[in-house]
Amino acid sequence: MSQHRTPPWLHYHTRHVPPGEYGVSTEPDVVLSTLLGSCVAACLYDPEARVGGLNHFLLPEGKENLLYGNHAMEVLLNAILTHGGRRRSIVAKIFGGARMVAHAVSPIVNVGQRNVEFVRLYLAKEEFPLLSEDVGGTEARRIWMHPATGRVWVERLGTKDTQPLALSESRYRDSISRQPPAGDIDIFG
């Protein structure tokens, strides 16, 4: 007789983190969750301050927008520091970066792989140890992070569940690439 255990994350209050967003918490009864295809989520955690968070970015680099990894990483890091984290004790885990069929038109263009390469380089440059990762492949993932402990649970979704996400990501990526560039604005004050 097989036993079915209740998934651990069901014991917590779940906060969903959509693409282009991030979440940070010190609350012991909260988990952060997101659904990833070619997107990447970086989970940063300070075990001494017991604060952590994750982001969800769509492309490696671009304008100041949380959809882009270069901005999403800085915003997440600053939020953790604001919540009492210390740069010297932050560790990382990364997830996502799958090769989704809907945008894999060329072996040269693999957004998921580019996202993973970007976040690895960022973490190395900032000298944050990368404790673990579940990246690449062709399946989408749903993750849950417990920010108070840094623990992450991963559920791999089958290809049937991956196809709608791939189409959605492709449409979203196309829509942001068609947006006219915003003018530069400097605000002093």
Protein backbone atom coordinates (compact mmCIF):
# COMPACT_ATOMS: atom_id res chain seq x y z
CA MET A 1 0.00 0.00 0.00
CA SER A 2 1.50 3.31 -1.03
CA GLN A 3 1.26 6.33 1.20
CA HIS A 4 0.34 9.69 -0.25
CA ARG A 5 1.98 12.46 1.71
CA THR A 6 0.54 15.93 1.77
CA PRO A 7 2.95 18.23 -0.08
CA PRO A 8 4.80 20.30 2.54
CA TRP A 9 3.96 23.63 0.92
CA LEU A 10 0.23 23.08 1.53
CA HIS A 11 0.85 23.82 5.21
CA TYR A 12 1.74 27.45 4.41
CA HIS A 13 0.05 30.58 3.06
CA THR A 14 1.03 30.76 -0.63
CA ARG A 15 1.86 34.00 -2.41
CA HIS A 16 2.02 33.65 -6.19
CA VAL A 17 4.83 35.52 -7.99
CA PRO A 18 3.89 36.15 -11.66
CA PRO A 19 6.36 36.99 -14.47
CA GLY A 20 8.03 40.34 -13.94
CA GLU A 21 7.51 40.28 -10.17
CA TYR A 22 9.33 39.25 -7.01
CA GLY A 23 8.47 38.31 -3.45
CA VAL A 24 10.41 38.54 -0.18
CA SER A 25 9.38 37.41 3.28
CA THR A 26 10.61 36.62 6.78
CA GLU A 27 7.26 35.16 7.85
CA PRO A 28 7.53 31.48 8.88
CA ASP A 29 4.04 30.61 7.57
CA VAL A 30 4.52 31.91 4.00
CA VAL A 31 5.70 30.24 0.80
CA LEU A 32 6.32 32.00 -2.51
CA SER A 33 5.28 30.14 -5.65
CA THR A 34 5.71 30.61 -9.37
CA LEU A 35 5.30 28.73 -12.65
CA LEU A 36 8.33 28.63 -14.97
CA GLY A 37 8.92 27.65 -18.58
CA SER A 38 11.87 29.35 -20.26
CA CYS A 39 11.71 31.99 -17.53
CA VAL A 40 14.05 31.76 -14.56
CA ALA A 41 13.44 32.23 -10.86
CA ALA A 42 16.40 33.05 -8.67
CA CYS A 43 15.85 32.23 -5.00
CA LEU A 44 18.11 34.22 -2.69
CA TYR A 45 18.30 33.46 1.01
CA ASP A 46 20.22 34.71 4.06
CA PRO A 47 20.32 31.82 6.57
CA GLU A 48 21.55 34.08 9.39
CA ALA A 49 18.76 36.69 9.04
CA ARG A 50 16.23 34.02 7.91
CA VAL A 51 14.99 36.16 5.05
CA GLY A 52 14.58 35.08 1.46
CA GLY A 53 12.80 35.72 -1.77
CA LEU A 54 12.48 34.88 -5.40
CA ASN A 55 12.04 36.70 -8.68
CA HIS A 56 10.58 35.59 -12.01
CA PHE A 57 12.18 37.06 -15.12
CA LEU A 58 11.45 36.46 -18.79
CA LEU A 59 14.60 37.66 -20.59
CA PRO A 60 18.22 38.08 -19.46
CA GLU A 61 18.83 41.77 -20.06
CA GLY A 62 16.92 44.85 -21.06
CA LYS A 63 15.47 48.08 -19.84
CA GLU A 64 14.62 48.79 -16.22
CA ASN A 65 11.75 46.39 -15.91
CA LEU A 66 11.37 43.32 -13.69
CA LEU A 67 10.79 41.18 -16.80
CA TYR A 68 14.54 41.45 -17.42
CA GLY A 69 17.04 39.52 -15.30
CA ASN A 70 19.53 42.35 -14.90
CA HIS A 71 16.90 44.52 -13.19
CA ALA A 72 15.03 41.68 -11.44
CA MET A 73 18.19 40.47 -9.68
CA GLU A 74 19.08 43.93 -8.36
CA VAL A 75 15.54 44.58 -7.11
CA LEU A 76 15.36 41.20 -5.34
CA LEU A 77 18.77 41.67 -3.74
CA ASN A 78 17.88 45.16 -2.50
CA ALA A 79 14.57 43.92 -1.08
CA ILE A 80 16.35 41.17 0.88
CA LEU A 81 18.88 43.67 2.21
CA THR A 82 16.02 46.00 3.20
CA HIS A 83 14.43 43.11 5.16
CA GLY A 84 17.62 42.58 7.19
CA GLY A 85 19.62 40.29 4.93
CA ARG A 86 23.40 40.72 4.70
CA ARG A 87 25.24 40.46 1.41
CA ARG A 88 28.02 38.33 2.94
CA SER A 89 25.64 35.52 3.92
CA ILE A 90 23.31 35.34 0.91
CA VAL A 91 23.13 32.02 -0.95
CA ALA A 92 21.22 31.15 -4.13
CA LYS A 93 19.22 28.47 -5.91
CA ILE A 94 17.97 28.79 -9.50
CA PHE A 95 15.11 27.17 -11.41
CA GLY A 96 13.53 27.19 -14.87
CA GLY A 97 15.18 27.95 -18.18
CA ALA A 98 13.46 25.16 -20.09
CA ARG A 99 13.58 24.95 -23.88
CA MET A 100 9.95 25.57 -24.68
CA VAL A 101 8.72 24.26 -28.04
CA ALA A 102 6.76 27.40 -28.98
CA HIS A 103 9.86 29.59 -29.17
CA ALA A 104 12.52 27.01 -30.07
CA VAL A 105 12.51 27.87 -33.78
CA SER A 106 16.27 27.75 -34.02
CA PRO A 107 18.93 25.84 -32.10
CA ILE A 108 20.81 29.15 -31.86
CA VAL A 109 17.93 30.95 -30.11
CA ASN A 110 17.24 29.36 -26.74
CA VAL A 111 15.86 31.96 -24.34
CA GLY A 112 15.82 29.52 -21.43
CA GLN A 113 19.51 28.73 -21.82
CA ARG A 114 20.34 32.44 -22.14
CA ASN A 115 18.40 33.15 -18.92
CA VAL A 116 20.30 30.42 -17.06
CA GLU A 117 23.68 31.62 -18.36
CA PHE A 118 22.83 35.19 -17.32
CA VAL A 119 21.83 34.29 -13.75
CA ARG A 120 24.87 32.03 -13.25
CA LEU A 121 27.18 34.86 -14.35
CA TYR A 122 25.36 37.35 -12.11
CA LEU A 123 25.68 35.09 -9.06
CA ALA A 124 29.36 34.45 -9.76
CA LYS A 125 30.05 38.18 -10.19
CA GLU A 126 28.27 38.99 -6.92
CA GLU A 127 30.01 36.01 -5.23
CA PHE A 128 26.77 34.40 -4.04
CA PRO A 129 27.22 30.63 -3.67
CA LEU A 130 24.88 28.65 -5.94
CA LEU A 131 23.71 25.82 -3.67
CA SER A 132 21.47 24.03 -6.15
CA GLU A 133 19.63 24.34 -9.44
CA ASP A 134 16.99 22.62 -11.51
CA VAL A 135 17.31 24.19 -14.95
CA GLY A 136 17.04 23.36 -18.64
CA GLY A 137 15.20 20.45 -20.15
CA THR A 138 11.86 20.78 -21.92
CA GLU A 139 9.34 20.69 -19.07
CA ALA A 140 7.84 23.58 -17.18
CA ARG A 141 8.23 23.69 -13.42
CA ARG A 142 6.17 24.97 -10.54
CA ILE A 143 8.25 25.92 -7.52
CA TRP A 144 7.49 26.83 -3.93
CA MET A 145 10.08 28.62 -1.79
CA HIS A 146 9.88 28.89 1.97
CA PRO A 147 11.71 32.22 2.43
CA ALA A 148 12.23 31.77 6.19
CA THR A 149 14.31 28.59 5.63
CA GLY A 150 15.44 28.83 1.99
CA ARG A 151 13.89 25.45 1.23
CA VAL A 152 12.49 25.00 -2.31
CA TRP A 153 10.16 22.33 -3.65
CA VAL A 154 9.94 21.64 -7.40
CA GLU A 155 7.13 20.04 -9.36
CA ARG A 156 7.94 19.20 -12.97
CA LEU A 157 4.96 19.47 -15.27
CA GLY A 158 4.41 17.02 -18.09
CA THR A 159 4.54 18.07 -21.73
CA LYS A 160 0.75 18.29 -21.87
CA ASP A 161 0.84 21.00 -19.18
CA THR A 162 3.91 22.64 -20.74
CA GLN A 163 2.40 23.45 -24.17
CA PRO A 164 -0.09 26.13 -22.99
CA LEU A 165 2.67 27.80 -20.94
CA ALA A 166 5.02 27.79 -23.95
CA LEU A 167 2.39 29.48 -26.10
CA SER A 168 1.62 32.02 -23.39
CA GLU A 169 5.33 32.85 -22.92
CA SER A 170 5.82 33.24 -26.66
CA ARG A 171 2.87 35.64 -26.98
CA TYR A 172 4.03 37.64 -23.97
CA ARG A 173 7.60 37.89 -25.28
CA ASP A 174 6.27 39.05 -28.67
CA SER A 175 4.06 41.69 -27.06
CA ILE A 176 6.89 43.27 -25.08
CA SER A 177 9.22 43.24 -28.08
CA ARG A 178 6.62 45.23 -30.09
CA GLN A 179 6.20 47.93 -27.46
CA PRO A 180 7.69 51.27 -28.50
CA PRO A 181 10.79 52.25 -26.55
CA ALA A 182 10.09 54.55 -23.64
CA GLY A 183 11.76 57.94 -23.60
CA ASP A 184 14.51 58.59 -21.07
CA ILE A 185 13.30 60.50 -18.04
CA ASP A 186 15.52 61.77 -15.25
CA ILE A 187 13.84 62.77 -12.02
CA PHE A 188 15.79 64.85 -9.55
CA GLY A 189 14.60 65.68 -6.12
